[in-house]
Amino acid sequence: MRLEPTNVQLIGEELAIQWNDGAESYLRLELLRRACPCAACGGEPDVLGKVLRAEVNYTADSFALTGFALVGGYALQPRWRDGHNTGIYSFQYLRRLNQTDAMHHSK
C-alpha cells in the first residue's frame, strides 16, 4: 500500500494529516517551514558535493500557512504567507518529520 494522506487540515499552529494506514501526524508549522526541502532553504551541493546552505531569514509570515497543494500523488506543497512555495514535501518525508518531532518532544 502506498502511503497517502486521506485528510489534511490546518488546525491552529499545526498541519494535521490523517494517513491511509490509520496513523495521524501533527506537524508544527514552524518545524515544517524550517525543514523545507527546497534548494533555497536546504542548500544545494556544489560541483565537489559540498552543500552550500543559504542564509534563510524568517519572519512571522514565514510560519503562517496560506494553503497547500497535493503534488502528483506523492507530496504536499505548502504555500506560506511570506510568498515561499517551492518546498515539495514527500509523504514519507512528512511522516519522518512527525516521528522525529514526536521523539524530540517526548524527552
PDB file of N, CA and C in Angstrom:
ATOM      1  N   MET A   1       0.847  -1.184   0.000  1.00  0.00           N
ATOM      2  CA  MET A   1       0.000   0.000   0.000  1.00  0.00           C
ATOM      3  C   MET A   1       0.891   1.246   0.000  1.00  0.00           C
ATOM      4  N   ARG A   2       0.615   2.144  -0.918  1.00  0.00           N
ATOM      5  CA  ARG A   2       1.369   3.391  -0.998  1.00  0.00           C
ATOM      6  C   ARG A   2       0.867   4.364   0.063  1.00  0.00           C
ATOM      7  N   LEU A   3       1.792   4.998   0.765  1.00  0.00           N
ATOM      8  CA  LEU A   3       1.453   5.960   1.809  1.00  0.00           C
ATOM      9  C   LEU A   3       0.829   7.202   1.187  1.00  0.00           C
ATOM     10  N   GLU A   4      -0.376   7.539   1.620  1.00  0.00           N
ATOM     11  CA  GLU A   4      -1.073   8.727   1.126  1.00  0.00           C
ATOM     12  C   GLU A   4      -1.917   9.320   2.245  1.00  0.00           C
ATOM     13  N   PRO A   5      -2.086  10.643   2.248  1.00  0.00           N
ATOM     14  CA  PRO A   5      -2.986  11.252   3.224  1.00  0.00           C
ATOM     15  C   PRO A   5      -4.439  11.061   2.787  1.00  0.00           C
ATOM     16  N   THR A   6      -5.307  10.823   3.747  1.00  0.00           N
ATOM     17  CA  THR A   6      -6.733  10.766   3.449  1.00  0.00           C
ATOM     18  C   THR A   6      -7.408  12.078   3.838  1.00  0.00           C
ATOM     19  N   ASN A   7      -6.717  12.864   4.686  1.00  0.00           N
ATOM     20  CA  ASN A   7      -7.259  14.149   5.108  1.00  0.00           C
ATOM     21  C   ASN A   7      -6.101  15.023   5.580  1.00  0.00           C
ATOM     22  N   VAL A   8      -6.094  16.272   5.156  1.00  0.00           N
ATOM     23  CA  VAL A   8      -5.074  17.231   5.583  1.00  0.00           C
ATOM     24  C   VAL A   8      -5.813  18.491   6.010  1.00  0.00           C
ATOM     25  N   GLN A   9      -5.568  18.929   7.246  1.00  0.00           N
ATOM     26  CA  GLN A   9      -6.260  20.106   7.773  1.00  0.00           C
ATOM     27  C   GLN A   9      -5.272  20.995   8.510  1.00  0.00           C
ATOM     28  N   LEU A  10      -5.471  22.293   8.415  1.00  0.00           N
ATOM     29  CA  LEU A  10      -4.731  23.244   9.231  1.00  0.00           C
ATOM     30  C   LEU A  10      -5.520  23.437  10.518  1.00  0.00           C
ATOM     31  N   ILE A  11      -4.886  23.093  11.644  1.00  0.00           N
ATOM     32  CA  ILE A  11      -5.543  23.237  12.944  1.00  0.00           C
ATOM     33  C   ILE A  11      -4.628  24.085  13.821  1.00  0.00           C
ATOM     34  N   GLY A  12      -5.007  25.344  13.994  1.00  0.00           N
ATOM     35  CA  GLY A  12      -4.187  26.251  14.795  1.00  0.00           C
ATOM     36  C   GLY A  12      -2.812  26.418  14.186  1.00  0.00           C
ATOM     37  N   GLU A  13      -1.783  26.059  14.952  1.00  0.00           N
ATOM     38  CA  GLU A  13      -0.390  26.185  14.515  1.00  0.00           C
ATOM     39  C   GLU A  13       0.172  24.863  14.000  1.00  0.00           C
ATOM     40  N   GLU A  14      -0.717  23.921  13.662  1.00  0.00           N
ATOM     41  CA  GLU A  14      -0.270  22.608  13.209  1.00  0.00           C
ATOM     42  C   GLU A  14      -0.970  22.199  11.917  1.00  0.00           C
ATOM     43  N   LEU A  15      -0.260  21.380  11.136  1.00  0.00           N
ATOM     44  CA  LEU A  15      -0.859  20.736   9.987  1.00  0.00           C
ATOM     45  C   LEU A  15      -1.169  19.309  10.428  1.00  0.00           C
ATOM     46  N   ALA A  16      -2.441  18.953  10.418  1.00  0.00           N
ATOM     47  CA  ALA A  16      -2.871  17.617  10.837  1.00  0.00           C
ATOM     48  C   ALA A  16      -3.084  16.765   9.589  1.00  0.00           C
ATOM     49  N   ILE A  17      -2.470  15.592   9.585  1.00  0.00           N
ATOM     50  CA  ILE A  17      -2.576  14.690   8.438  1.00  0.00           C
ATOM     51  C   ILE A  17      -3.069  13.334   8.915  1.00  0.00           C
ATOM     52  N   GLN A  18      -4.145  12.859   8.306  1.00  0.00           N
ATOM     53  CA  GLN A  18      -4.628  11.505   8.558  1.00  0.00           C
ATOM     54  C   GLN A  18      -4.155  10.667   7.368  1.00  0.00           C
ATOM     55  N   TRP A  19      -3.490   9.543   7.660  1.00  0.00           N
ATOM     56  CA  TRP A  19      -2.882   8.706   6.622  1.00  0.00           C
ATOM     57  C   TRP A  19      -3.747   7.499   6.299  1.00  0.00           C
ATOM     58  N   ASN A  20      -3.546   6.943   5.122  1.00  0.00           N
ATOM     59  CA  ASN A  20      -4.350   5.796   4.691  1.00  0.00           C
ATOM     60  C   ASN A  20      -4.010   4.513   5.445  1.00  0.00           C
ATOM     61  N   ASP A  21      -2.962   4.517   6.279  1.00  0.00           N
ATOM     62  CA  ASP A  21      -2.681   3.342   7.113  1.00  0.00           C
ATOM     63  C   ASP A  21      -3.247   3.506   8.521  1.00  0.00           C
ATOM     64  N   GLY A  22      -4.033   4.588   8.723  1.00  0.00           N
ATOM     65  CA  GLY A  22      -4.685   4.804  10.013  1.00  0.00           C
ATOM     66  C   GLY A  22      -3.904   5.704  10.955  1.00  0.00           C
ATOM     67  N   ALA A  23      -2.650   6.002  10.660  1.00  0.00           N
ATOM     68  CA  ALA A  23      -1.838   6.862  11.524  1.00  0.00           C
ATOM     69  C   ALA A  23      -2.238   8.323  11.328  1.00  0.00           C
ATOM     70  N   GLU A  24      -1.875   9.149  12.305  1.00  0.00           N
ATOM     71  CA  GLU A  24      -2.106  10.580  12.223  1.00  0.00           C
ATOM     72  C   GLU A  24      -0.809  11.309  12.523  1.00  0.00           C
ATOM     73  N   SER A  25      -0.572  12.411  11.836  1.00  0.00           N
ATOM     74  CA  SER A  25       0.595  13.250  12.077  1.00  0.00           C
ATOM     75  C   SER A  25       0.126  14.650  12.405  1.00  0.00           C
ATOM     76  N   TYR A  26       0.807  15.268  13.366  1.00  0.00           N
ATOM     77  CA  TYR A  26       0.547  16.664  13.703  1.00  0.00           C
ATOM     78  C   TYR A  26       1.879  17.393  13.619  1.00  0.00           C
ATOM     79  N   LEU A  27       2.031  18.221  12.612  1.00  0.00           N
ATOM     80  CA  LEU A  27       3.293  18.904  12.360  1.00  0.00           C
ATOM     81  C   LEU A  27       3.169  20.385  12.671  1.00  0.00           C
ATOM     82  N   ARG A  28       4.012  20.849  13.582  1.00  0.00           N
ATOM     83  CA  ARG A  28       4.016  22.268  13.903  1.00  0.00           C
ATOM     84  C   ARG A  28       4.477  23.044  12.670  1.00  0.00           C
ATOM     85  N   LEU A  29       3.794  24.151  12.373  1.00  0.00           N
ATOM     86  CA  LEU A  29       4.104  24.920  11.164  1.00  0.00           C
ATOM     87  C   LEU A  29       5.540  25.427  11.161  1.00  0.00           C
ATOM     88  N   GLU A  30       6.047  25.842  12.317  1.00  0.00           N
ATOM     89  CA  GLU A  30       7.423  26.336  12.357  1.00  0.00           C
ATOM     90  C   GLU A  30       8.397  25.217  11.992  1.00  0.00           C
ATOM     91  N   LEU A  31       8.181  24.020  12.550  1.00  0.00           N
ATOM     92  CA  LEU A  31       9.020  22.871  12.201  1.00  0.00           C
ATOM     93  C   LEU A  31       8.935  22.584  10.705  1.00  0.00           C
ATOM     94  N   LEU A  32       7.718  22.597  10.184  1.00  0.00           N
ATOM     95  CA  LEU A  32       7.507  22.301   8.773  1.00  0.00           C
ATOM     96  C   LEU A  32       8.291  23.280   7.894  1.00  0.00           C
ATOM     97  N   ARG A  33       8.211  24.559   8.211  1.00  0.00           N
ATOM     98  CA  ARG A  33       8.919  25.558   7.396  1.00  0.00           C
ATOM     99  C   ARG A  33      10.428  25.439   7.553  1.00  0.00           C
ATOM    100  N   ARG A  34      10.897  25.250   8.772  1.00  0.00           N
ATOM    101  CA  ARG A  34      12.343  25.148   8.986  1.00  0.00           C
ATOM    102  C   ARG A  34      12.921  23.889   8.338  1.00  0.00           C
ATOM    103  N   ALA A  35      12.081  22.889   8.097  1.00  0.00           N
ATOM    104  CA  ALA A  35      12.527  21.643   7.467  1.00  0.00           C
ATOM    105  C   ALA A  35      12.283  21.655   5.956  1.00  0.00           C
ATOM    106  N   CYS A  36      12.016  22.830   5.394  1.00  0.00           N
ATOM    107  CA  CYS A  36      11.708  22.924   3.966  1.00  0.00           C
ATOM    108  C   CYS A  36      12.824  22.289   3.143  1.00  0.00           C
ATOM    109  N   PRO A  37      12.465  21.339   2.267  1.00  0.00           N
ATOM    110  CA  PRO A  37      13.483  20.633   1.490  1.00  0.00           C
ATOM    111  C   PRO A  37      13.901  21.314   0.198  1.00  0.00           C
ATOM    112  N   CYS A  38      13.413  22.508  -0.084  1.00  0.00           N
ATOM    113  CA  CYS A  38      13.778  23.139  -1.359  1.00  0.00           C
ATOM    114  C   CYS A  38      15.246  23.568  -1.340  1.00  0.00           C
ATOM    115  N   ALA A  39      15.804  23.756  -2.508  1.00  0.00           N
ATOM    116  CA  ALA A  39      17.220  24.106  -2.629  1.00  0.00           C
ATOM    117  C   ALA A  39      17.542  25.437  -1.959  1.00  0.00           C
ATOM    118  N   ALA A  40      16.636  26.396  -2.038  1.00  0.00           N
ATOM    119  CA  ALA A  40      16.899  27.714  -1.447  1.00  0.00           C
ATOM    120  C   ALA A  40      16.987  27.630   0.076  1.00  0.00           C
ATOM    121  N   CYS A  41      16.210  26.759   0.693  1.00  0.00           N
ATOM    122  CA  CYS A  41      16.215  26.635   2.152  1.00  0.00           C
ATOM    123  C   CYS A  41      17.245  25.611   2.628  1.00  0.00           C
ATOM    124  N   GLY A  42      17.274  24.451   1.981  1.00  0.00           N
ATOM    125  CA  GLY A  42      18.118  23.366   2.448  1.00  0.00           C
ATOM    126  C   GLY A  42      19.524  23.385   1.901  1.00  0.00           C
ATOM    127  N   GLY A  43      19.738  24.161   0.875  1.00  0.00           N
ATOM    128  CA  GLY A  43      21.057  24.214   0.282  1.00  0.00           C
ATOM    129  C   GLY A  43      21.177  23.254  -0.893  1.00  0.00           C
ATOM    130  N   GLU A  44      22.169  23.491  -1.715  1.00  0.00           N
ATOM    131  CA  GLU A  44      22.414  22.657  -2.883  1.00  0.00           C
ATOM    132  C   GLU A  44      23.861  22.200  -2.865  1.00  0.00           C
ATOM    133  N   PRO A  45      24.114  20.978  -3.320  1.00  0.00           N
ATOM    134  CA  PRO A  45      25.520  20.566  -3.406  1.00  0.00           C
ATOM    135  C   PRO A  45      26.220  21.292  -4.560  1.00  0.00           C
ATOM    136  N   ASP A  46      27.468  21.719  -4.300  1.00  0.00           N
ATOM    137  CA  ASP A  46      28.240  22.322  -5.387  1.00  0.00           C
ATOM    138  C   ASP A  46      28.884  21.208  -6.211  1.00  0.00           C
ATOM    139  N   VAL A  47      29.733  21.553  -7.161  1.00  0.00           N
ATOM    140  CA  VAL A  47      30.312  20.543  -8.049  1.00  0.00           C
ATOM    141  C   VAL A  47      31.189  19.544  -7.289  1.00  0.00           C
ATOM    142  N   LEU A  48      31.681  19.910  -6.118  1.00  0.00           N
ATOM    143  CA  LEU A  48      32.503  18.996  -5.321  1.00  0.00           C
ATOM    144  C   LEU A  48      31.682  18.212  -4.305  1.00  0.00           C
ATOM    145  N   GLY A  49      30.372  18.447  -4.303  1.00  0.00           N
ATOM    146  CA  GLY A  49      29.497  17.705  -3.398  1.00  0.00           C
ATOM    147  C   GLY A  49      29.293  18.360  -2.044  1.00  0.00           C
ATOM    148  N   LYS A  50      29.943  19.506  -1.794  1.00  0.00           N
ATOM    149  CA  LYS A  50      29.725  20.221  -0.537  1.00  0.00           C
ATOM    150  C   LYS A  50      28.382  20.936  -0.613  1.00  0.00           C
ATOM    151  N   VAL A  51      27.633  20.875   0.455  1.00  0.00           N
ATOM    152  CA  VAL A  51      26.323  21.537   0.465  1.00  0.00           C
ATOM    153  C   VAL A  51      26.505  22.999   0.847  1.00  0.00           C
ATOM    154  N   LEU A  52      26.054  23.863  -0.034  1.00  0.00           N
ATOM    155  CA  LEU A  52      26.086  25.293   0.225  1.00  0.00           C
ATOM    156  C   LEU A  52      24.733  25.695   0.798  1.00  0.00           C
ATOM    157  N   ARG A  53      24.733  26.103   2.041  1.00  0.00           N
ATOM    158  CA  ARG A  53      23.472  26.465   2.683  1.00  0.00           C
ATOM    159  C   ARG A  53      23.264  27.973   2.619  1.00  0.00           C
ATOM    160  N   ALA A  54      22.107  28.325   2.171  1.00  0.00           N
ATOM    161  CA  ALA A  54      21.758  29.744   2.113  1.00  0.00           C
ATOM    162  C   ALA A  54      21.395  30.225   3.509  1.00  0.00           C
ATOM    163  N   GLU A  55      21.593  31.500   3.741  1.00  0.00           N
ATOM    164  CA  GLU A  55      21.144  32.104   4.993  1.00  0.00           C
ATOM    165  C   GLU A  55      19.662  32.430   4.821  1.00  0.00           C
ATOM    166  N   VAL A  56      18.817  31.781   5.600  1.00  0.00           N
ATOM    167  CA  VAL A  56      17.375  31.993   5.481  1.00  0.00           C
ATOM    168  C   VAL A  56      16.927  32.864   6.642  1.00  0.00           C
ATOM    169  N   ASN A  57      16.277  33.962   6.334  1.00  0.00           N
ATOM    170  CA  ASN A  57      15.737  34.847   7.357  1.00  0.00           C
ATOM    171  C   ASN A  57      14.230  34.655   7.426  1.00  0.00           C
ATOM    172  N   TYR A  58      13.742  34.346   8.625  1.00  0.00           N
ATOM    173  CA  TYR A  58      12.322  34.076   8.816  1.00  0.00           C
ATOM    174  C   TYR A  58      11.642  35.274   9.472  1.00  0.00           C
ATOM    175  N   THR A  59      10.368  35.459   9.152  1.00  0.00           N
ATOM    176  CA  THR A  59       9.516  36.437   9.822  1.00  0.00           C
ATOM    177  C   THR A  59       8.296  35.668  10.329  1.00  0.00           C
ATOM    178  N   ALA A  60       7.402  36.344  10.987  1.00  0.00           N
ATOM    179  CA  ALA A  60       6.174  35.683  11.445  1.00  0.00           C
ATOM    180  C   ALA A  60       5.412  35.095  10.261  1.00  0.00           C
ATOM    181  N   ASP A  61       5.447  35.791   9.110  1.00  0.00           N
ATOM    182  CA  ASP A  61       4.741  35.303   7.925  1.00  0.00           C
ATOM    183  C   ASP A  61       5.368  34.025   7.365  1.00  0.00           C
ATOM    184  N   SER A  62       6.622  33.749   7.724  1.00  0.00           N
ATOM    185  CA  SER A  62       7.286  32.538   7.247  1.00  0.00           C
ATOM    186  C   SER A  62       6.640  31.282   7.824  1.00  0.00           C
ATOM    187  N   PHE A  63       5.987  31.412   8.968  1.00  0.00           N
ATOM    188  CA  PHE A  63       5.403  30.255   9.649  1.00  0.00           C
ATOM    189  C   PHE A  63       3.880  30.236   9.564  1.00  0.00           C
ATOM    190  N   ALA A  64       3.317  31.101   8.712  1.00  0.00           N
ATOM    191  CA  ALA A  64       1.865  31.153   8.524  1.00  0.00           C
ATOM    192  C   ALA A  64       1.533  30.516   7.180  1.00  0.00           C
ATOM    193  N   LEU A  65       0.728  29.481   7.227  1.00  0.00           N
ATOM    194  CA  LEU A  65       0.355  28.743   6.025  1.00  0.00           C
ATOM    195  C   LEU A  65      -0.873  29.392   5.385  1.00  0.00           C
ATOM    196  N   THR A  66      -0.807  29.663   4.089  1.00  0.00           N
ATOM    197  CA  THR A  66      -1.974  30.212   3.398  1.00  0.00           C
ATOM    198  C   THR A  66      -2.689  29.144   2.582  1.00  0.00           C
ATOM    199  N   GLY A  67      -2.056  28.012   2.396  1.00  0.00           N
ATOM    200  CA  GLY A  67      -2.677  26.925   1.654  1.00  0.00           C
ATOM    201  C   GLY A  67      -1.644  25.876   1.302  1.00  0.00           C
ATOM    202  N   PHE A  68      -2.081  24.852   0.585  1.00  0.00           N
ATOM    203  CA  PHE A  68      -1.175  23.795   0.160  1.00  0.00           C
ATOM    204  C   PHE A  68      -1.807  23.072  -1.010  1.00  0.00           C
ATOM    205  N   ALA A  69      -0.980  22.379  -1.755  1.00  0.00           N
ATOM    206  CA  ALA A  69      -1.456  21.581  -2.881  1.00  0.00           C
ATOM    207  C   ALA A  69      -0.869  20.187  -2.765  1.00  0.00           C
ATOM    208  N   LEU A  70      -1.620  19.198  -3.228  1.00  0.00           N
ATOM    209  CA  LEU A  70      -1.082  17.852  -3.325  1.00  0.00           C
ATOM    210  C   LEU A  70      -0.409  17.745  -4.688  1.00  0.00           C
ATOM    211  N   VAL A  71       0.778  17.159  -4.713  1.00  0.00           N
ATOM    212  CA  VAL A  71       1.586  17.089  -5.924  1.00  0.00           C
ATOM    213  C   VAL A  71       1.741  15.641  -6.363  1.00  0.00           C
ATOM    214  N   GLY A  72       1.176  15.328  -7.509  1.00  0.00           N
ATOM    215  CA  GLY A  72       1.410  14.044  -8.160  1.00  0.00           C
ATOM    216  C   GLY A  72       1.164  12.794  -7.344  1.00  0.00           C
ATOM    217  N   GLY A  73       0.337  12.863  -6.324  1.00  0.00           N
ATOM    218  CA  GLY A  73       0.048  11.667  -5.533  1.00  0.00           C
ATOM    219  C   GLY A  73       1.184  11.213  -4.638  1.00  0.00           C
ATOM    220  N   TYR A  74       2.223  12.055  -4.453  1.00  0.00           N
ATOM    221  CA  TYR A  74       3.354  11.629  -3.623  1.00  0.00           C
ATOM    222  C   TYR A  74       3.847  12.708  -2.660  1.00  0.00           C
ATOM    223  N   ALA A  75       3.335  13.931  -2.778  1.00  0.00           N
ATOM    224  CA  ALA A  75       3.905  15.014  -1.971  1.00  0.00           C
ATOM    225  C   ALA A  75       2.893  16.120  -1.699  1.00  0.00           C
ATOM    226  N   LEU A  76       3.267  16.986  -0.761  1.00  0.00           N
ATOM    227  CA  LEU A  76       2.473  18.146  -0.393  1.00  0.00           C
ATOM    228  C   LEU A  76       3.338  19.389  -0.594  1.00  0.00           C
ATOM    229  N   GLN A  77       2.754  20.430  -1.166  1.00  0.00           N
ATOM    230  CA  GLN A  77       3.484  21.680  -1.421  1.00  0.00           C
ATOM    231  C   GLN A  77       2.789  22.814  -0.676  1.00  0.00           C
ATOM    232  N   PRO A  78       3.360  23.250   0.462  1.00  0.00           N
ATOM    233  CA  PRO A  78       2.745  24.339   1.225  1.00  0.00           C
ATOM    234  C   PRO A  78       2.971  25.703   0.573  1.00  0.00           C
ATOM    235  N   ARG A  79       2.033  26.594   0.809  1.00  0.00           N
ATOM    236  CA  ARG A  79       2.184  27.998   0.422  1.00  0.00           C
ATOM    237  C   ARG A  79       2.202  28.815   1.720  1.00  0.00           C
ATOM    238  N   TRP A  80       3.272  29.570   1.909  1.00  0.00           N
ATOM    239  CA  TRP A  80       3.449  30.348   3.132  1.00  0.00           C
ATOM    240  C   TRP A  80       3.101  31.811   2.879  1.00  0.00           C
ATOM    241  N   ARG A  81       2.706  32.503   3.927  1.00  0.00           N
ATOM    242  CA  ARG A  81       2.263  33.893   3.797  1.00  0.00           C
ATOM    243  C   ARG A  81       3.367  34.820   3.291  1.00  0.00           C
ATOM    244  N   ASP A  82       4.642  34.458   3.503  1.00  0.00           N
ATOM    245  CA  ASP A  82       5.727  35.309   3.012  1.00  0.00           C
ATOM    246  C   ASP A  82       6.029  35.082   1.529  1.00  0.00           C
ATOM    247  N   GLY A  83       5.207  34.243   0.859  1.00  0.00           N
ATOM    248  CA  GLY A  83       5.353  34.025  -0.574  1.00  0.00           C
ATOM    249  C   GLY A  83       6.148  32.785  -0.941  1.00  0.00           C
ATOM    250  N   HIS A  84       6.773  32.135   0.044  1.00  0.00           N
ATOM    251  CA  HIS A  84       7.583  30.952  -0.253  1.00  0.00           C
ATOM    252  C   HIS A  84       6.669  29.773  -0.589  1.00  0.00           C
ATOM    253  N   ASN A  85       6.950  29.091  -1.709  1.00  0.00           N
ATOM    254  CA  ASN A  85       6.098  27.951  -2.073  1.00  0.00           C
ATOM    255  C   ASN A  85       6.840  26.906  -2.908  1.00  0.00           C
ATOM    256  N   THR A  86       8.175  26.882  -2.828  1.00  0.00           N
ATOM    257  CA  THR A  86       8.929  25.952  -3.668  1.00  0.00           C
ATOM    258  C   THR A  86       9.272  24.641  -2.961  1.00  0.00           C
ATOM    259  N   GLY A  87       8.903  24.500  -1.704  1.00  0.00           N
ATOM    260  CA  GLY A  87       9.189  23.258  -0.984  1.00  0.00           C
ATOM    261  C   GLY A  87       8.172  22.184  -1.327  1.00  0.00           C
ATOM    262  N   ILE A  88       8.669  21.042  -1.778  1.00  0.00           N
ATOM    263  CA  ILE A  88       7.796  19.896  -2.050  1.00  0.00           C
ATOM    264  C   ILE A  88       8.168  18.798  -1.065  1.00  0.00           C
ATOM    265  N   TYR A  89       7.258  18.485  -0.156  1.00  0.00           N
ATOM    266  CA  TYR A  89       7.486  17.548   0.936  1.00  0.00           C
ATOM    267  C   TYR A  89       6.870  16.204   0.566  1.00  0.00           C
ATOM    268  N   SER A  90       7.696  15.192   0.345  1.00  0.00           N
ATOM    269  CA  SER A  90       7.140  13.866   0.036  1.00  0.00           C
ATOM    270  C   SER A  90       6.366  13.367   1.257  1.00  0.00           C
ATOM    271  N   PHE A  91       5.404  12.492   1.021  1.00  0.00           N
ATOM    272  CA  PHE A  91       4.621  11.958   2.136  1.00  0.00           C
ATOM    273  C   PHE A  91       5.531  11.229   3.123  1.00  0.00           C
ATOM    274  N   GLN A  92       6.541  10.492   2.626  1.00  0.00           N
ATOM    275  CA  GLN A  92       7.473   9.795   3.518  1.00  0.00           C
ATOM    276  C   GLN A  92       8.255  10.794   4.369  1.00  0.00           C
ATOM    277  N   TYR A  93       8.658  11.918   3.766  1.00  0.00           N
ATOM    278  CA  TYR A  93       9.389  12.948   4.497  1.00  0.00           C
ATOM    279  C   TYR A  93       8.515  13.534   5.607  1.00  0.00           C
ATOM    280  N   LEU A  94       7.253  13.783   5.314  1.00  0.00           N
ATOM    281  CA  LEU A  94       6.330  14.309   6.327  1.00  0.00           C
ATOM    282  C   LEU A  94       6.182  13.338   7.494  1.00  0.00           C
ATOM    283  N   ARG A  95       6.083  12.043   7.200  1.00  0.00           N
ATOM    284  CA  ARG A  95       5.975  11.039   8.262  1.00  0.00           C
ATOM    285  C   ARG A  95       7.235  11.017   9.119  1.00  0.00           C
ATOM    286  N   ARG A  96       8.406  11.080   8.476  1.00  0.00           N
ATOM    287  CA  ARG A  96       9.668  11.084   9.231  1.00  0.00           C
ATOM    288  C   ARG A  96       9.784  12.341  10.077  1.00  0.00           C
ATOM    289  N   LEU A  97       9.372  13.488   9.543  1.00  0.00           N
ATOM    290  CA  LEU A  97       9.398  14.731  10.316  1.00  0.00           C
ATOM    291  C   LEU A  97       8.550  14.599  11.566  1.00  0.00           C
ATOM    292  N   ASN A  98       7.369  14.029  11.422  1.00  0.00           N
ATOM    293  CA  ASN A  98       6.467  13.866  12.557  1.00  0.00           C
ATOM    294  C   ASN A  98       7.072  12.938  13.597  1.00  0.00           C
ATOM    295  N   GLN A  99       7.672  11.852  13.175  1.00  0.00           N
ATOM    296  CA  GLN A  99       8.266  10.901  14.119  1.00  0.00           C
ATOM    297  C   GLN A  99       9.452  11.538  14.852  1.00  0.00           C
ATOM    298  N   THR A 100      10.268  12.293  14.124  1.00  0.00           N
ATOM    299  CA  THR A 100      11.413  12.975  14.730  1.00  0.00           C
ATOM    300  C   THR A 100      10.940  14.012  15.748  1.00  0.00           C
ATOM    301  N   ASP A 101       9.916  14.781  15.384  1.00  0.00           N
ATOM    302  CA  ASP A 101       9.383  15.807  16.272  1.00  0.00           C
ATOM    303  C   ASP A 101       8.770  15.170  17.521  1.00  0.00           C
ATOM    304  N   ALA A 102       8.046  14.069  17.353  1.00  0.00           N
ATOM    305  CA  ALA A 102       7.415  13.391  18.489  1.00  0.00           C
ATOM    306  C   ALA A 102       8.475  12.869  19.456  1.00  0.00           C
ATOM    307  N   MET A 103       9.558  12.302  18.923  1.00  0.00           N
ATOM    308  CA  MET A 103      10.629  11.792  19.787  1.00  0.00           C
ATOM    309  C   MET A 103      11.285  12.946  20.540  1.00  0.00           C
ATOM    310  N   HIS A 104      11.502  14.070  19.861  1.00  0.00           N
ATOM    311  CA  HIS A 104      12.140  15.226  20.478  1.00  0.00           C
ATOM    312  C   HIS A 104      11.284  15.783  21.611  1.00  0.00           C
ATOM    313  N   HIS A 105       9.966  15.809  21.424  1.00  0.00           N
ATOM    314  CA  HIS A 105       9.076  16.388  22.444  1.00  0.00           C
ATOM    315  C   HIS A 105       8.742  15.425  23.579  1.00  0.00           C
ATOM    316  N   SER A 106       9.032  14.132  23.411  1.00  0.00           N
ATOM    317  CA  SER A 106       8.703  13.186  24.483  1.00  0.00           C
ATOM    318  C   SER A 106       9.821  13.116  25.522  1.00  0.00           C
ATOM    319  N   LYS A 107      10.963  13.739  25.233  1.00  0.00           N
ATOM    320  CA  LYS A 107      12.099  13.699  26.181  1.00  0.00           C
ATOM    321  C   LYS A 107      11.966  14.754  27.247  1.00  0.00           C
TER     322      LYS A 107
END
